[in-house]
Amino acid sequence: MSSEENSPEMRLFSPTGVRLYLTAPERDRFLKAANDESPVKRMVCIIPAAAPGGVGPGLSSGTD
């Protein structure tokens, strides 16, 4: 990793221009869809969403 990738400041977009965080409507749809999953999968979705910063870079789709 380059030092540019370890930037200490918060940012909304990755160095390649990919948005890192969900919008409020996207987050709401994500959590609503989580209700259709098994309890374990639902927990994996809801806990990060409740954390400070919400659903963001840690839950990358791997498409960037």
N, C-alpha and C. Protein backbone atom coordinates (compact mmCIF):
# COMPACT_ATOMS: atom_id res chain seq x y z
N MET A 1 0.83 -1.20 0.00
CA MET A 1 0.00 0.00 0.00
C MET A 1 0.87 1.25 0.00
N SER A 2 0.48 2.18 -0.78
CA SER A 2 1.21 3.45 -0.78
C SER A 2 0.72 4.30 0.37
N SER A 3 1.48 5.32 0.73
CA SER A 3 1.07 6.20 1.82
C SER A 3 -0.21 6.94 1.45
N GLU A 4 -0.47 7.13 0.16
CA GLU A 4 -1.69 7.79 -0.28
C GLU A 4 -2.92 6.97 0.12
N GLU A 5 -2.81 5.65 0.10
CA GLU A 5 -3.92 4.78 0.45
C GLU A 5 -4.16 4.75 1.96
N ASN A 6 -3.17 5.11 2.75
CA ASN A 6 -3.28 5.12 4.20
C ASN A 6 -3.55 6.51 4.73
N SER A 7 -4.21 7.32 3.97
CA SER A 7 -4.48 8.70 4.34
C SER A 7 -5.25 8.75 5.66
N PRO A 8 -4.83 9.58 6.62
CA PRO A 8 -5.49 9.64 7.91
C PRO A 8 -6.83 10.37 7.89
N GLU A 9 -7.08 11.20 6.89
CA GLU A 9 -8.34 11.94 6.88
C GLU A 9 -9.47 11.09 6.30
N MET A 10 -10.69 11.44 6.69
CA MET A 10 -11.84 10.74 6.13
C MET A 10 -12.08 11.23 4.72
N ARG A 11 -12.59 10.38 3.88
CA ARG A 11 -12.91 10.78 2.52
C ARG A 11 -14.14 10.02 2.06
N LEU A 12 -14.84 10.60 1.12
CA LEU A 12 -16.05 10.01 0.58
C LEU A 12 -15.80 9.11 -0.62
N PHE A 13 -14.65 9.33 -1.28
CA PHE A 13 -14.33 8.58 -2.48
C PHE A 13 -12.95 7.96 -2.37
N SER A 14 -12.78 6.81 -2.99
CA SER A 14 -11.48 6.14 -3.01
C SER A 14 -10.54 6.89 -3.94
N PRO A 15 -9.25 6.58 -3.91
CA PRO A 15 -8.31 7.23 -4.82
C PRO A 15 -8.69 7.05 -6.30
N THR A 16 -9.46 6.00 -6.59
CA THR A 16 -9.87 5.76 -7.98
C THR A 16 -11.24 6.36 -8.30
N GLY A 17 -11.82 7.08 -7.33
CA GLY A 17 -13.09 7.77 -7.56
C GLY A 17 -14.34 6.98 -7.20
N VAL A 18 -14.18 5.81 -6.58
CA VAL A 18 -15.33 5.01 -6.18
C VAL A 18 -15.89 5.55 -4.86
N ARG A 19 -17.21 5.73 -4.80
CA ARG A 19 -17.85 6.22 -3.58
C ARG A 19 -17.70 5.15 -2.49
N LEU A 20 -17.32 5.54 -1.27
CA LEU A 20 -17.02 4.61 -0.20
C LEU A 20 -18.18 4.35 0.74
N TYR A 21 -19.17 5.20 0.78
CA TYR A 21 -20.25 5.08 1.75
C TYR A 21 -21.61 5.06 1.08
N LEU A 22 -22.58 4.45 1.75
CA LEU A 22 -23.94 4.42 1.26
C LEU A 22 -24.65 5.72 1.59
N THR A 23 -25.60 6.10 0.76
CA THR A 23 -26.47 7.23 1.08
C THR A 23 -27.52 6.73 2.07
N ALA A 24 -28.26 7.63 2.70
CA ALA A 24 -29.29 7.23 3.67
C ALA A 24 -30.34 6.33 3.02
N PRO A 25 -30.85 6.64 1.82
CA PRO A 25 -31.83 5.73 1.21
C PRO A 25 -31.23 4.36 0.87
N GLU A 26 -29.98 4.31 0.43
CA GLU A 26 -29.31 3.04 0.15
C GLU A 26 -29.17 2.22 1.43
N ARG A 27 -28.78 2.89 2.52
CA ARG A 27 -28.63 2.22 3.82
C ARG A 27 -29.97 1.65 4.28
N ASP A 28 -31.04 2.43 4.11
CA ASP A 28 -32.37 1.95 4.51
C ASP A 28 -32.77 0.71 3.72
N ARG A 29 -32.53 0.71 2.41
CA ARG A 29 -32.84 -0.45 1.57
C ARG A 29 -31.99 -1.66 1.98
N PHE A 30 -30.72 -1.41 2.29
CA PHE A 30 -29.81 -2.47 2.72
C PHE A 30 -30.34 -3.13 4.00
N LEU A 31 -30.73 -2.31 4.98
CA LEU A 31 -31.21 -2.85 6.25
C LEU A 31 -32.56 -3.54 6.09
N LYS A 32 -33.42 -3.01 5.22
CA LYS A 32 -34.70 -3.64 4.97
C LYS A 32 -34.48 -5.02 4.33
N ALA A 33 -33.57 -5.11 3.37
CA ALA A 33 -33.26 -6.39 2.73
C ALA A 33 -32.65 -7.37 3.73
N ALA A 34 -31.91 -6.86 4.71
CA ALA A 34 -31.30 -7.73 5.71
C ALA A 34 -32.36 -8.47 6.52
N ASN A 35 -33.54 -7.89 6.65
CA ASN A 35 -34.61 -8.54 7.40
C ASN A 35 -35.08 -9.84 6.75
N ASP A 36 -34.79 -10.03 5.47
CA ASP A 36 -35.18 -11.25 4.77
C ASP A 36 -34.14 -12.37 4.92
N GLU A 37 -33.05 -12.09 5.61
CA GLU A 37 -31.96 -13.05 5.76
C GLU A 37 -32.09 -13.83 7.07
N SER A 38 -31.26 -14.87 7.19
CA SER A 38 -31.22 -15.65 8.43
C SER A 38 -30.72 -14.74 9.56
N PRO A 39 -30.98 -15.13 10.81
CA PRO A 39 -30.53 -14.29 11.93
C PRO A 39 -29.03 -13.98 11.90
N VAL A 40 -28.21 -14.95 11.55
CA VAL A 40 -26.76 -14.72 11.54
C VAL A 40 -26.39 -13.71 10.44
N LYS A 41 -26.92 -13.89 9.25
CA LYS A 41 -26.62 -12.95 8.17
C LYS A 41 -27.17 -11.57 8.49
N ARG A 42 -28.35 -11.51 9.09
CA ARG A 42 -28.95 -10.23 9.48
C ARG A 42 -28.05 -9.50 10.48
N MET A 43 -27.51 -10.25 11.45
CA MET A 43 -26.62 -9.65 12.45
C MET A 43 -25.38 -9.07 11.78
N VAL A 44 -24.81 -9.79 10.81
CA VAL A 44 -23.62 -9.32 10.10
C VAL A 44 -23.91 -8.02 9.36
N CYS A 45 -25.14 -7.82 8.93
CA CYS A 45 -25.53 -6.60 8.23
C CYS A 45 -25.82 -5.46 9.20
N ILE A 46 -26.53 -5.76 10.27
CA ILE A 46 -27.02 -4.70 11.17
C ILE A 46 -25.93 -4.14 12.07
N ILE A 47 -25.04 -4.96 12.59
CA ILE A 47 -24.01 -4.46 13.52
C ILE A 47 -23.12 -3.40 12.87
N PRO A 48 -22.57 -3.62 11.66
CA PRO A 48 -21.76 -2.54 11.06
C PRO A 48 -22.58 -1.29 10.77
N ALA A 49 -23.85 -1.45 10.42
CA ALA A 49 -24.69 -0.30 10.12
C ALA A 49 -24.93 0.54 11.36
N ALA A 50 -24.90 -0.07 12.52
CA ALA A 50 -25.12 0.65 13.77
C ALA A 50 -23.84 1.29 14.32
N ALA A 51 -22.71 0.88 13.79
CA ALA A 51 -21.43 1.39 14.27
C ALA A 51 -21.20 2.83 13.78
N PRO A 52 -20.37 3.60 14.50
CA PRO A 52 -20.03 4.93 14.01
C PRO A 52 -19.45 4.84 12.60
N GLY A 53 -19.93 5.64 11.72
CA GLY A 53 -19.47 5.60 10.34
C GLY A 53 -20.36 4.74 9.46
N GLY A 54 -21.15 3.86 10.08
CA GLY A 54 -22.11 3.06 9.34
C GLY A 54 -21.48 2.12 8.34
N VAL A 55 -22.28 1.73 7.38
CA VAL A 55 -21.83 0.81 6.34
C VAL A 55 -20.94 1.60 5.38
N GLY A 56 -19.70 1.18 5.27
CA GLY A 56 -18.78 1.91 4.43
C GLY A 56 -17.68 1.04 3.88
N PRO A 57 -16.45 1.52 3.87
CA PRO A 57 -15.35 0.81 3.21
C PRO A 57 -15.13 -0.61 3.67
N GLY A 58 -15.44 -0.90 4.91
CA GLY A 58 -15.23 -2.26 5.38
C GLY A 58 -16.13 -3.27 4.72
N LEU A 59 -17.17 -2.82 4.07
CA LEU A 59 -18.09 -3.72 3.40
C LEU A 59 -18.06 -3.53 1.90
N SER A 60 -16.88 -3.45 1.38
CA SER A 60 -16.72 -3.26 -0.05
C SER A 60 -17.29 -4.42 -0.84
N SER A 61 -17.88 -4.12 -1.97
CA SER A 61 -18.43 -5.17 -2.83
C SER A 61 -17.32 -5.84 -3.63
N GLY A 62 -16.13 -5.26 -3.61
CA GLY A 62 -15.01 -5.82 -4.35
C GLY A 62 -15.04 -5.46 -5.82
N THR A 63 -15.90 -4.51 -6.19
CA THR A 63 -16.03 -4.14 -7.61
C THR A 63 -15.19 -2.93 -7.99
N ASP A 64 -14.47 -2.34 -7.05
CA ASP A 64 -13.67 -1.17 -7.40
C ASP A 64 -12.31 -1.63 -7.72
